[in-house]
Amino acid sequence: MDLTKEEQITYRHLYDLHMLAGRRGIPVYSGFIGLNETNMLYRVFDDRKIPRSLVDNYILTYGGYQGAERIMVCFLPDTLYSAPEYSEFPIECIKISALNHKFCDALTHRDYLGTAMGLGIERNQIGDIIVKKEENGAVTGYIFCCKDKAPLLMDITKVRHTSVHTETVDGAGLALIQEYKDIQGSVPSLRLDAVTATAARISRSGSLALIKEGSVFLNGRMCTGSSKNICDGDIISIRGYGKYRIEVSQSVTKKGRYHITVKQYI
C-alpha cells in the first residue's frame, strides 16, 4: 500500500469503523476528518471494490452545517433501512464571544484552535472553526466539536488575551455568515480544470496537475476527472490554495465563454 505511516493509520481506522458498523448492525461515527483523511475514506471503498456511485449507501458525512470542510463520517450497516438525521450526529457548536469588544484581540482561526487543543482536545475532535468579525469590531468564533468535548470548551474564559463568554448554539445555519472574497472570471467551459484554474489563479496545465495528483476536492470528495462539469453552488477545495464556492451566471459571452463568480472562503 503506497501510503505514509500516518495515512496507513487513518486508513486502518476508517476501515475498522466501516466493518464495525456492519458487525454491530448500527451506525458508527468517526471523529472529524479533513481533506487528506477523506481521500483515505474513499480509498477504503475503492479497495473493497464498491463503486463510487454506491458509496452513499454505506456512509453519511456532515460537519455541523452544509458545506463544512472538516466532516464526521457516519458508517451505515447493510441492515439499516432509514439513515440517521443530520441532527443525530454527535456534534456541538460552541460560540465564543468577547466580553468587551473594546479590549478584543484580532483573534484568528489559529487562536481558537490553539486554545481548544490547549485543553487536551485532539485535532480529530474539532471540526470547522468559523471566525466572524462583528460590526463593532469584535471577533466571534464558532467551534464545531464532538459533543462529549463541548463541556471542556464551555469552560474557556480567555482566548489569547481576550476574556470571552461561551454558549452552545445551533450551527446548522452558520454557512450564512461565512465571509468570502469574490473573484470574477470567465471560462471557456464549466469543466473542473477550467474552473479550478480561475479559482486558484493558475494556468490550465497547473490545474490539470493538481487534479491528477488528487489535490482537488469537489463537494468534499477527491475528484481526479478534469472534465467533470461544475454546477452552480458547487464547492471546490484545492489543497494548498483554499476553498471556493462557485456561482455560475446564466449569461454567456459572444465567444461562448461562461461568466462565473468564485467566492473564496476567508
C-alpha atoms as a PDB file:
ATOM      1  CA  MET A   1       0.000   0.000   0.000  1.00  0.00           C
ATOM      2  CA  ASP A   2       1.693   3.213  -1.191  1.00  0.00           C
ATOM      3  CA  LEU A   3       0.768   5.237   1.887  1.00  0.00           C
ATOM      4  CA  THR A   4       2.750   7.037   4.558  1.00  0.00           C
ATOM      5  CA  LYS A   5       2.652   5.620   8.080  1.00  0.00           C
ATOM      6  CA  GLU A   6       0.154   8.291   9.138  1.00  0.00           C
ATOM      7  CA  GLU A   7      -2.063   7.565   6.122  1.00  0.00           C
ATOM      8  CA  GLN A   8      -1.954   3.853   6.888  1.00  0.00           C
ATOM      9  CA  ILE A   9      -3.145   4.520  10.451  1.00  0.00           C
ATOM     10  CA  THR A  10      -6.010   6.682   9.152  1.00  0.00           C
ATOM     11  CA  TYR A  11      -6.927   4.121   6.504  1.00  0.00           C
ATOM     12  CA  ARG A  12      -6.994   1.271   9.011  1.00  0.00           C
ATOM     13  CA  HIS A  13      -9.060   3.275  11.495  1.00  0.00           C
ATOM     14  CA  LEU A  14     -11.703   4.174   8.893  1.00  0.00           C
ATOM     15  CA  TYR A  15     -11.722   0.618   7.562  1.00  0.00           C
ATOM     16  CA  ASP A  16     -12.280  -0.737  11.081  1.00  0.00           C
ATOM     17  CA  LEU A  17     -15.191   1.668  11.692  1.00  0.00           C
ATOM     18  CA  HIS A  18     -16.782   0.593   8.403  1.00  0.00           C
ATOM     19  CA  MET A  19     -16.508  -3.086   9.356  1.00  0.00           C
ATOM     20  CA  LEU A  20     -17.693  -2.400  12.922  1.00  0.00           C
ATOM     21  CA  ALA A  21     -20.921  -0.861  11.645  1.00  0.00           C
ATOM     22  CA  GLY A  22     -21.562  -3.996   9.623  1.00  0.00           C
ATOM     23  CA  ARG A  23     -20.853  -6.348  12.524  1.00  0.00           C
ATOM     24  CA  ARG A  24     -22.944  -4.472  15.074  1.00  0.00           C
ATOM     25  CA  GLY A  25     -25.743  -3.513  12.705  1.00  0.00           C
ATOM     26  CA  ILE A  26     -25.819   0.073  13.989  1.00  0.00           C
ATOM     27  CA  PRO A  27     -24.481   3.437  12.760  1.00  0.00           C
ATOM     28  CA  VAL A  28     -20.913   4.125  13.875  1.00  0.00           C
ATOM     29  CA  TYR A  29     -19.489   7.657  13.921  1.00  0.00           C
ATOM     30  CA  SER A  30     -15.912   8.744  13.310  1.00  0.00           C
ATOM     31  CA  GLY A  31     -14.217  11.831  14.634  1.00  0.00           C
ATOM     32  CA  PHE A  32     -13.729  14.819  12.321  1.00  0.00           C
ATOM     33  CA  ILE A  33     -11.647  14.280   9.207  1.00  0.00           C
ATOM     34  CA  GLY A  34     -10.193  16.744   6.711  1.00  0.00           C
ATOM     35  CA  LEU A  35      -9.372  16.549   3.021  1.00  0.00           C
ATOM     36  CA  ASN A  36      -6.405  14.196   3.381  1.00  0.00           C
ATOM     37  CA  GLU A  37      -8.385  11.777   5.548  1.00  0.00           C
ATOM     38  CA  THR A  38     -11.352  11.999   3.165  1.00  0.00           C
ATOM     39  CA  ASN A  39      -9.067  10.656   0.472  1.00  0.00           C
ATOM     40  CA  MET A  40      -8.370   7.645   2.711  1.00  0.00           C
ATOM     41  CA  LEU A  41     -12.100   7.210   3.343  1.00  0.00           C
ATOM     42  CA  TYR A  42     -12.909   6.729  -0.331  1.00  0.00           C
ATOM     43  CA  ARG A  43      -9.865   4.533  -0.790  1.00  0.00           C
ATOM     44  CA  VAL A  44     -11.403   2.113   1.729  1.00  0.00           C
ATOM     45  CA  PHE A  45     -14.390   1.636  -0.562  1.00  0.00           C
ATOM     46  CA  ASP A  46     -12.251   1.555  -3.701  1.00  0.00           C
ATOM     47  CA  ASP A  47     -10.207  -1.282  -2.211  1.00  0.00           C
ATOM     48  CA  ARG A  48     -13.400  -3.152  -1.340  1.00  0.00           C
ATOM     49  CA  LYS A  49     -14.481  -2.831  -4.986  1.00  0.00           C
ATOM     50  CA  ILE A  50     -17.514  -0.737  -4.049  1.00  0.00           C
ATOM     51  CA  PRO A  51     -18.319   1.696  -6.902  1.00  0.00           C
ATOM     52  CA  ARG A  52     -18.230   5.396  -6.030  1.00  0.00           C
ATOM     53  CA  SER A  53     -21.867   5.613  -7.149  1.00  0.00           C
ATOM     54  CA  LEU A  54     -22.835   3.234  -4.327  1.00  0.00           C
ATOM     55  CA  VAL A  55     -20.698   4.658  -1.506  1.00  0.00           C
ATOM     56  CA  ASP A  56     -23.590   6.822  -0.278  1.00  0.00           C
ATOM     57  CA  ASN A  57     -25.337   3.579   0.710  1.00  0.00           C
ATOM     58  CA  TYR A  58     -22.596   2.997   3.270  1.00  0.00           C
ATOM     59  CA  ILE A  59     -21.844   6.419   4.742  1.00  0.00           C
ATOM     60  CA  LEU A  60     -23.277   9.799   5.630  1.00  0.00           C
ATOM     61  CA  THR A  61     -20.984  12.797   6.111  1.00  0.00           C
ATOM     62  CA  TYR A  62     -21.720  16.014   7.976  1.00  0.00           C
ATOM     63  CA  GLY A  63     -19.703  18.705   9.702  1.00  0.00           C
ATOM     64  CA  GLY A  64     -22.414  20.533  11.671  1.00  0.00           C
ATOM     65  CA  TYR A  65     -23.576  22.676   8.755  1.00  0.00           C
ATOM     66  CA  GLN A  66     -23.852  22.257   5.000  1.00  0.00           C
ATOM     67  CA  GLY A  67     -20.571  22.904   3.211  1.00  0.00           C
ATOM     68  CA  ALA A  68     -18.307  22.156   6.187  1.00  0.00           C
ATOM     69  CA  GLU A  69     -14.778  21.195   5.196  1.00  0.00           C
ATOM     70  CA  ARG A  70     -13.979  19.038   8.226  1.00  0.00           C
ATOM     71  CA  ILE A  71     -16.616  16.341   8.417  1.00  0.00           C
ATOM     72  CA  MET A  72     -17.723  13.494  10.639  1.00  0.00           C
ATOM     73  CA  VAL A  73     -18.484  10.172   8.960  1.00  0.00           C
ATOM     74  CA  CYS A  74     -21.445   8.005   9.909  1.00  0.00           C
ATOM     75  CA  PHE A  75     -20.790   4.449   8.739  1.00  0.00           C
ATOM     76  CA  LEU A  76     -24.052   2.678   7.950  1.00  0.00           C
ATOM     77  CA  PRO A  77     -24.719  -1.051   8.352  1.00  0.00           C
ATOM     78  CA  ASP A  78     -26.202  -3.002   5.463  1.00  0.00           C
ATOM     79  CA  THR A  79     -29.327  -3.720   7.502  1.00  0.00           C
ATOM     80  CA  LEU A  80     -30.208  -0.075   8.180  1.00  0.00           C
ATOM     81  CA  TYR A  81     -33.423   0.862   6.431  1.00  0.00           C
ATOM     82  CA  SER A  82     -33.542   4.532   7.398  1.00  0.00           C
ATOM     83  CA  ALA A  83     -30.384   6.608   7.785  1.00  0.00           C
ATOM     84  CA  PRO A  84     -29.916   8.912  10.795  1.00  0.00           C
ATOM     85  CA  GLU A  85     -30.822  12.585  10.501  1.00  0.00           C
ATOM     86  CA  TYR A  86     -28.034  15.150  10.458  1.00  0.00           C
ATOM     87  CA  SER A  87     -29.280  16.336  13.845  1.00  0.00           C
ATOM     88  CA  GLU A  88     -28.331  12.935  15.278  1.00  0.00           C
ATOM     89  CA  PHE A  89     -24.637  13.420  14.571  1.00  0.00           C
ATOM     90  CA  PRO A  90     -22.778  13.859  17.906  1.00  0.00           C
ATOM     91  CA  ILE A  91     -21.674  17.391  17.006  1.00  0.00           C
ATOM     92  CA  GLU A  92     -21.938  20.547  19.098  1.00  0.00           C
ATOM     93  CA  CYS A  93     -21.227  24.155  18.123  1.00  0.00           C
ATOM     94  CA  ILE A  94     -19.683  26.476  20.709  1.00  0.00           C
ATOM     95  CA  LYS A  95     -19.934  30.227  20.193  1.00  0.00           C
ATOM     96  CA  ILE A  96     -17.090  32.202  21.793  1.00  0.00           C
ATOM     97  CA  SER A  97     -17.732  35.938  22.156  1.00  0.00           C
ATOM     98  CA  ALA A  98     -15.556  38.721  23.567  1.00  0.00           C
ATOM     99  CA  LEU A  99     -16.838  40.095  26.871  1.00  0.00           C
ATOM    100  CA  ASN A 100     -15.710  43.592  25.911  1.00  0.00           C
ATOM    101  CA  HIS A 101     -15.279  44.415  22.232  1.00  0.00           C
ATOM    102  CA  LYS A 102     -13.057  47.387  23.084  1.00  0.00           C
ATOM    103  CA  PHE A 103     -10.451  45.035  24.518  1.00  0.00           C
ATOM    104  CA  CYS A 104     -10.689  42.261  21.963  1.00  0.00           C
ATOM    105  CA  ASP A 105      -7.588  40.950  20.182  1.00  0.00           C
ATOM    106  CA  ALA A 106      -7.708  40.401  16.432  1.00  0.00           C
ATOM    107  CA  LEU A 107      -8.326  36.711  17.028  1.00  0.00           C
ATOM    108  CA  THR A 108      -7.740  34.191  14.242  1.00  0.00           C
ATOM    109  CA  HIS A 109      -8.580  30.586  13.456  1.00  0.00           C
ATOM    110  CA  ARG A 110      -5.221  29.591  14.944  1.00  0.00           C
ATOM    111  CA  ASP A 111      -6.004  31.325  18.251  1.00  0.00           C
ATOM    112  CA  TYR A 112      -9.256  29.408  18.732  1.00  0.00           C
ATOM    113  CA  LEU A 113      -7.698  26.120  17.640  1.00  0.00           C
ATOM    114  CA  GLY A 114      -4.715  26.614  19.931  1.00  0.00           C
ATOM    115  CA  THR A 115      -6.971  27.390  22.893  1.00  0.00           C
ATOM    116  CA  ALA A 116      -9.056  24.267  22.255  1.00  0.00           C
ATOM    117  CA  MET A 117      -6.059  21.975  21.854  1.00  0.00           C
ATOM    118  CA  GLY A 118      -4.502  23.522  24.947  1.00  0.00           C
ATOM    119  CA  LEU A 119      -7.342  21.883  26.875  1.00  0.00           C
ATOM    120  CA  GLY A 120      -6.156  18.459  25.740  1.00  0.00           C
ATOM    121  CA  ILE A 121      -8.695  18.152  22.930  1.00  0.00           C
ATOM    122  CA  GLU A 122      -7.283  16.292  19.933  1.00  0.00           C
ATOM    123  CA  ARG A 123      -7.494  17.605  16.374  1.00  0.00           C
ATOM    124  CA  ASN A 124      -9.917  14.917  15.232  1.00  0.00           C
ATOM    125  CA  GLN A 125     -12.337  16.043  17.944  1.00  0.00           C
ATOM    126  CA  ILE A 126     -12.596  19.530  16.416  1.00  0.00           C
ATOM    127  CA  GLY A 127     -14.373  20.334  13.169  1.00  0.00           C
ATOM    128  CA  ASP A 128     -14.514  23.640  11.339  1.00  0.00           C
ATOM    129  CA  ILE A 129     -13.784  26.880  13.143  1.00  0.00           C
ATOM    130  CA  ILE A 130     -15.608  29.885  11.743  1.00  0.00           C
ATOM    131  CA  VAL A 131     -14.306  33.340  12.665  1.00  0.00           C
ATOM    132  CA  LYS A 132     -16.626  36.303  12.183  1.00  0.00           C
ATOM    133  CA  LYS A 133     -15.825  39.986  12.623  1.00  0.00           C
ATOM    134  CA  GLU A 134     -18.773  41.822  14.138  1.00  0.00           C
ATOM    135  CA  GLU A 135     -19.895  45.353  13.217  1.00  0.00           C
ATOM    136  CA  ASN A 136     -18.484  46.694  16.497  1.00  0.00           C
ATOM    137  CA  GLY A 137     -15.042  45.345  15.595  1.00  0.00           C
ATOM    138  CA  ALA A 138     -15.111  42.387  17.960  1.00  0.00           C
ATOM    139  CA  VAL A 139     -14.341  38.891  16.745  1.00  0.00           C
ATOM    140  CA  THR A 140     -16.619  35.914  17.396  1.00  0.00           C
ATOM    141  CA  GLY A 141     -15.530  32.328  16.970  1.00  0.00           C
ATOM    142  CA  TYR A 142     -17.668  29.251  16.335  1.00  0.00           C
ATOM    143  CA  ILE A 143     -16.040  25.911  17.093  1.00  0.00           C
ATOM    144  CA  PHE A 144     -17.641  22.662  15.948  1.00  0.00           C
ATOM    145  CA  CYS A 145     -16.628  19.765  18.149  1.00  0.00           C
ATOM    146  CA  CYS A 146     -17.511  16.238  19.198  1.00  0.00           C
ATOM    147  CA  LYS A 147     -20.421  16.523  21.619  1.00  0.00           C
ATOM    148  CA  ASP A 148     -18.552  14.902  24.507  1.00  0.00           C
ATOM    149  CA  LYS A 149     -15.878  17.630  24.304  1.00  0.00           C
ATOM    150  CA  ALA A 150     -18.343  20.532  24.461  1.00  0.00           C
ATOM    151  CA  PRO A 151     -18.166  20.825  28.297  1.00  0.00           C
ATOM    152  CA  LEU A 152     -14.408  21.426  28.076  1.00  0.00           C
ATOM    153  CA  LEU A 153     -14.852  24.206  25.513  1.00  0.00           C
ATOM    154  CA  MET A 154     -17.635  25.750  27.583  1.00  0.00           C
ATOM    155  CA  ASP A 155     -15.076  26.291  30.361  1.00  0.00           C
ATOM    156  CA  ILE A 156     -12.965  28.611  28.169  1.00  0.00           C
ATOM    157  CA  THR A 157     -12.703  32.073  29.735  1.00  0.00           C
ATOM    158  CA  LYS A 158      -9.900  33.558  27.654  1.00  0.00           C
ATOM    159  CA  VAL A 159      -8.606  33.310  24.085  1.00  0.00           C
ATOM    160  CA  ARG A 160      -5.147  34.811  23.875  1.00  0.00           C
ATOM    161  CA  HIS A 161      -5.539  37.983  25.993  1.00  0.00           C
ATOM    162  CA  THR A 162      -9.277  38.390  25.353  1.00  0.00           C
ATOM    163  CA  SER A 163     -11.800  37.492  28.051  1.00  0.00           C
ATOM    164  CA  VAL A 164     -14.675  35.596  26.482  1.00  0.00           C
ATOM    165  CA  HIS A 165     -18.148  34.192  27.053  1.00  0.00           C
ATOM    166  CA  THR A 166     -19.162  30.765  25.704  1.00  0.00           C
ATOM    167  CA  GLU A 167     -22.516  29.254  24.796  1.00  0.00           C
ATOM    168  CA  THR A 168     -23.844  26.383  22.708  1.00  0.00           C
ATOM    169  CA  VAL A 169     -25.693  27.369  19.530  1.00  0.00           C
ATOM    170  CA  ASP A 170     -27.349  25.694  16.572  1.00  0.00           C
ATOM    171  CA  GLY A 171     -24.577  25.659  13.993  1.00  0.00           C
ATOM    172  CA  ALA A 172     -26.689  24.425  11.078  1.00  0.00           C
ATOM    173  CA  GLY A 173     -27.217  27.943   9.701  1.00  0.00           C
ATOM    174  CA  LEU A 174     -23.665  29.181  10.094  1.00  0.00           C
ATOM    175  CA  ALA A 175     -22.888  28.879   6.388  1.00  0.00           C
ATOM    176  CA  LEU A 176     -24.968  32.040   6.104  1.00  0.00           C
ATOM    177  CA  ILE A 177     -22.363  34.090   7.987  1.00  0.00           C
ATOM    178  CA  GLN A 178     -19.391  32.738   6.081  1.00  0.00           C
ATOM    179  CA  GLU A 179     -17.364  35.590   4.604  1.00  0.00           C
ATOM    180  CA  TYR A 180     -15.931  35.422   1.098  1.00  0.00           C
ATOM    181  CA  LYS A 181     -13.603  37.202  -1.257  1.00  0.00           C
ATOM    182  CA  ASP A 182     -15.173  37.420  -4.720  1.00  0.00           C
ATOM    183  CA  ILE A 183     -13.184  36.531  -7.828  1.00  0.00           C
ATOM    184  CA  GLN A 184     -14.877  37.354 -11.121  1.00  0.00           C
ATOM    185  CA  GLY A 185     -13.937  35.489 -14.253  1.00  0.00           C
ATOM    186  CA  SER A 186     -14.998  33.772 -17.437  1.00  0.00           C
ATOM    187  CA  VAL A 187     -14.163  30.266 -18.569  1.00  0.00           C
ATOM    188  CA  PRO A 188     -14.382  28.541 -21.968  1.00  0.00           C
ATOM    189  CA  SER A 189     -16.301  25.684 -20.349  1.00  0.00           C
ATOM    190  CA  LEU A 190     -17.555  24.641 -16.920  1.00  0.00           C
ATOM    191  CA  ARG A 191     -15.080  21.763 -16.731  1.00  0.00           C
ATOM    192  CA  LEU A 192     -13.351  21.256 -13.400  1.00  0.00           C
ATOM    193  CA  ASP A 193      -9.902  22.065 -14.790  1.00  0.00           C
ATOM    194  CA  ALA A 194     -11.045  25.411 -16.239  1.00  0.00           C
ATOM    195  CA  VAL A 195     -12.880  26.494 -13.092  1.00  0.00           C
ATOM    196  CA  THR A 196     -10.030  25.348 -10.844  1.00  0.00           C
ATOM    197  CA  ALA A 197      -7.554  27.425 -12.867  1.00  0.00           C
ATOM    198  CA  THR A 198      -9.709  30.534 -12.392  1.00  0.00           C
ATOM    199  CA  ALA A 199     -10.262  29.897  -8.681  1.00  0.00           C
ATOM    200  CA  ALA A 200      -6.592  29.271  -7.858  1.00  0.00           C
ATOM    201  CA  ARG A 201      -5.400  31.861 -10.402  1.00  0.00           C
ATOM    202  CA  ILE A 202      -3.081  29.390 -12.077  1.00  0.00           C
ATOM    203  CA  SER A 203      -2.651  28.065 -15.605  1.00  0.00           C
ATOM    204  CA  ARG A 204      -4.877  25.377 -17.088  1.00  0.00           C
ATOM    205  CA  SER A 205      -1.909  22.989 -17.118  1.00  0.00           C
ATOM    206  CA  GLY A 206      -1.305  23.795 -13.452  1.00  0.00           C
ATOM    207  CA  SER A 207      -4.892  22.970 -12.555  1.00  0.00           C
ATOM    208  CA  LEU A 208      -4.676  19.700 -14.519  1.00  0.00           C
ATOM    209  CA  ALA A 209      -1.604  18.725 -12.486  1.00  0.00           C
ATOM    210  CA  LEU A 210      -3.390  19.462  -9.190  1.00  0.00           C
ATOM    211  CA  ILE A 211      -6.415  17.407 -10.241  1.00  0.00           C
ATOM    212  CA  LYS A 212      -4.264  14.494 -11.401  1.00  0.00           C
ATOM    213  CA  GLU A 213      -2.302  14.357  -8.127  1.00  0.00           C
ATOM    214  CA  GLY A 214      -5.517  14.272  -6.053  1.00  0.00           C
ATOM    215  CA  SER A 215      -5.303  17.787  -4.619  1.00  0.00           C
ATOM    216  CA  VAL A 216      -8.742  18.943  -5.815  1.00  0.00           C
ATOM    217  CA  PHE A 217     -11.945  18.053  -3.977  1.00  0.00           C
ATOM    218  CA  LEU A 218     -15.426  18.669  -5.342  1.00  0.00           C
ATOM    219  CA  ASN A 219     -18.163  18.946  -2.718  1.00  0.00           C
ATOM    220  CA  GLY A 220     -15.913  17.210  -0.200  1.00  0.00           C
ATOM    221  CA  ARG A 221     -14.788  14.348  -2.439  1.00  0.00           C
ATOM    222  CA  MET A 222     -11.492  13.994  -4.251  1.00  0.00           C
ATOM    223  CA  CYS A 223     -12.084  14.391  -7.977  1.00  0.00           C
ATOM    224  CA  THR A 224      -9.472  13.281 -10.489  1.00  0.00           C
ATOM    225  CA  GLY A 225     -11.697  13.770 -13.521  1.00  0.00           C
ATOM    226  CA  SER A 226     -10.685  17.061 -15.113  1.00  0.00           C
ATOM    227  CA  SER A 227     -13.687  17.010 -17.471  1.00  0.00           C
ATOM    228  CA  LYS A 228     -16.228  16.904 -14.632  1.00  0.00           C
ATOM    229  CA  ASN A 229     -18.795  19.663 -15.159  1.00  0.00           C
ATOM    230  CA  ILE A 230     -19.237  22.233 -12.386  1.00  0.00           C
ATOM    231  CA  CYS A 231     -22.727  23.330 -11.347  1.00  0.00           C
ATOM    232  CA  ASP A 232     -23.948  26.472  -9.618  1.00  0.00           C
ATOM    233  CA  GLY A 233     -23.296  26.195  -5.865  1.00  0.00           C
ATOM    234  CA  ASP A 234     -20.580  23.537  -6.104  1.00  0.00           C
ATOM    235  CA  ILE A 235     -17.737  23.801  -3.600  1.00  0.00           C
ATOM    236  CA  ILE A 236     -14.164  23.209  -4.708  1.00  0.00           C
ATOM    237  CA  SER A 237     -11.337  22.720  -2.203  1.00  0.00           C
ATOM    238  CA  ILE A 238      -7.779  22.858  -3.503  1.00  0.00           C
ATOM    239  CA  ARG A 239      -5.068  21.597  -1.203  1.00  0.00           C
ATOM    240  CA  GLY A 240      -2.568  24.395  -0.589  1.00  0.00           C
ATOM    241  CA  TYR A 241      -4.790  27.083  -2.138  1.00  0.00           C
ATOM    242  CA  GLY A 242      -8.130  27.280  -0.347  1.00  0.00           C
ATOM    243  CA  LYS A 243     -11.823  26.586  -0.548  1.00  0.00           C
ATOM    244  CA  TYR A 244     -14.218  28.149  -3.069  1.00  0.00           C
ATOM    245  CA  ARG A 245     -17.944  28.225  -3.800  1.00  0.00           C
ATOM    246  CA  ILE A 246     -18.787  28.580  -7.487  1.00  0.00           C
ATOM    247  CA  GLU A 247     -21.646  30.710  -8.794  1.00  0.00           C
ATOM    248  CA  VAL A 248     -22.443  30.243 -12.460  1.00  0.00           C
ATOM    249  CA  SER A 249     -24.117  33.070 -14.367  1.00  0.00           C
ATOM    250  CA  GLN A 250     -26.822  32.287 -16.905  1.00  0.00           C
ATOM    251  CA  SER A 251     -25.226  34.672 -19.401  1.00  0.00           C
ATOM    252  CA  VAL A 252     -22.680  33.576 -21.980  1.00  0.00           C
ATOM    253  CA  THR A 253     -20.343  35.893 -23.874  1.00  0.00           C
ATOM    254  CA  LYS A 254     -20.443  36.250 -27.655  1.00  0.00           C
ATOM    255  CA  LYS A 255     -17.394  33.999 -27.779  1.00  0.00           C
ATOM    256  CA  GLY A 256     -19.239  31.304 -25.833  1.00  0.00           C
ATOM    257  CA  ARG A 257     -17.450  31.829 -22.512  1.00  0.00           C
ATOM    258  CA  TYR A 258     -19.261  31.362 -19.209  1.00  0.00           C
ATOM    259  CA  HIS A 259     -19.296  34.066 -16.524  1.00  0.00           C
ATOM    260  CA  ILE A 260     -18.573  32.711 -13.060  1.00  0.00           C
ATOM    261  CA  THR A 261     -18.123  34.184  -9.612  1.00  0.00           C
ATOM    262  CA  VAL A 262     -15.652  32.335  -7.419  1.00  0.00           C
ATOM    263  CA  LYS A 263     -16.386  33.034  -3.754  1.00  0.00           C
ATOM    264  CA  GLN A 264     -13.201  32.276  -1.834  1.00  0.00           C
ATOM    265  CA  TYR A 265     -13.682  31.358   1.831  1.00  0.00           C
ATOM    266  CA  ILE A 266     -11.799  33.697   4.178  1.00  0.00           C
END
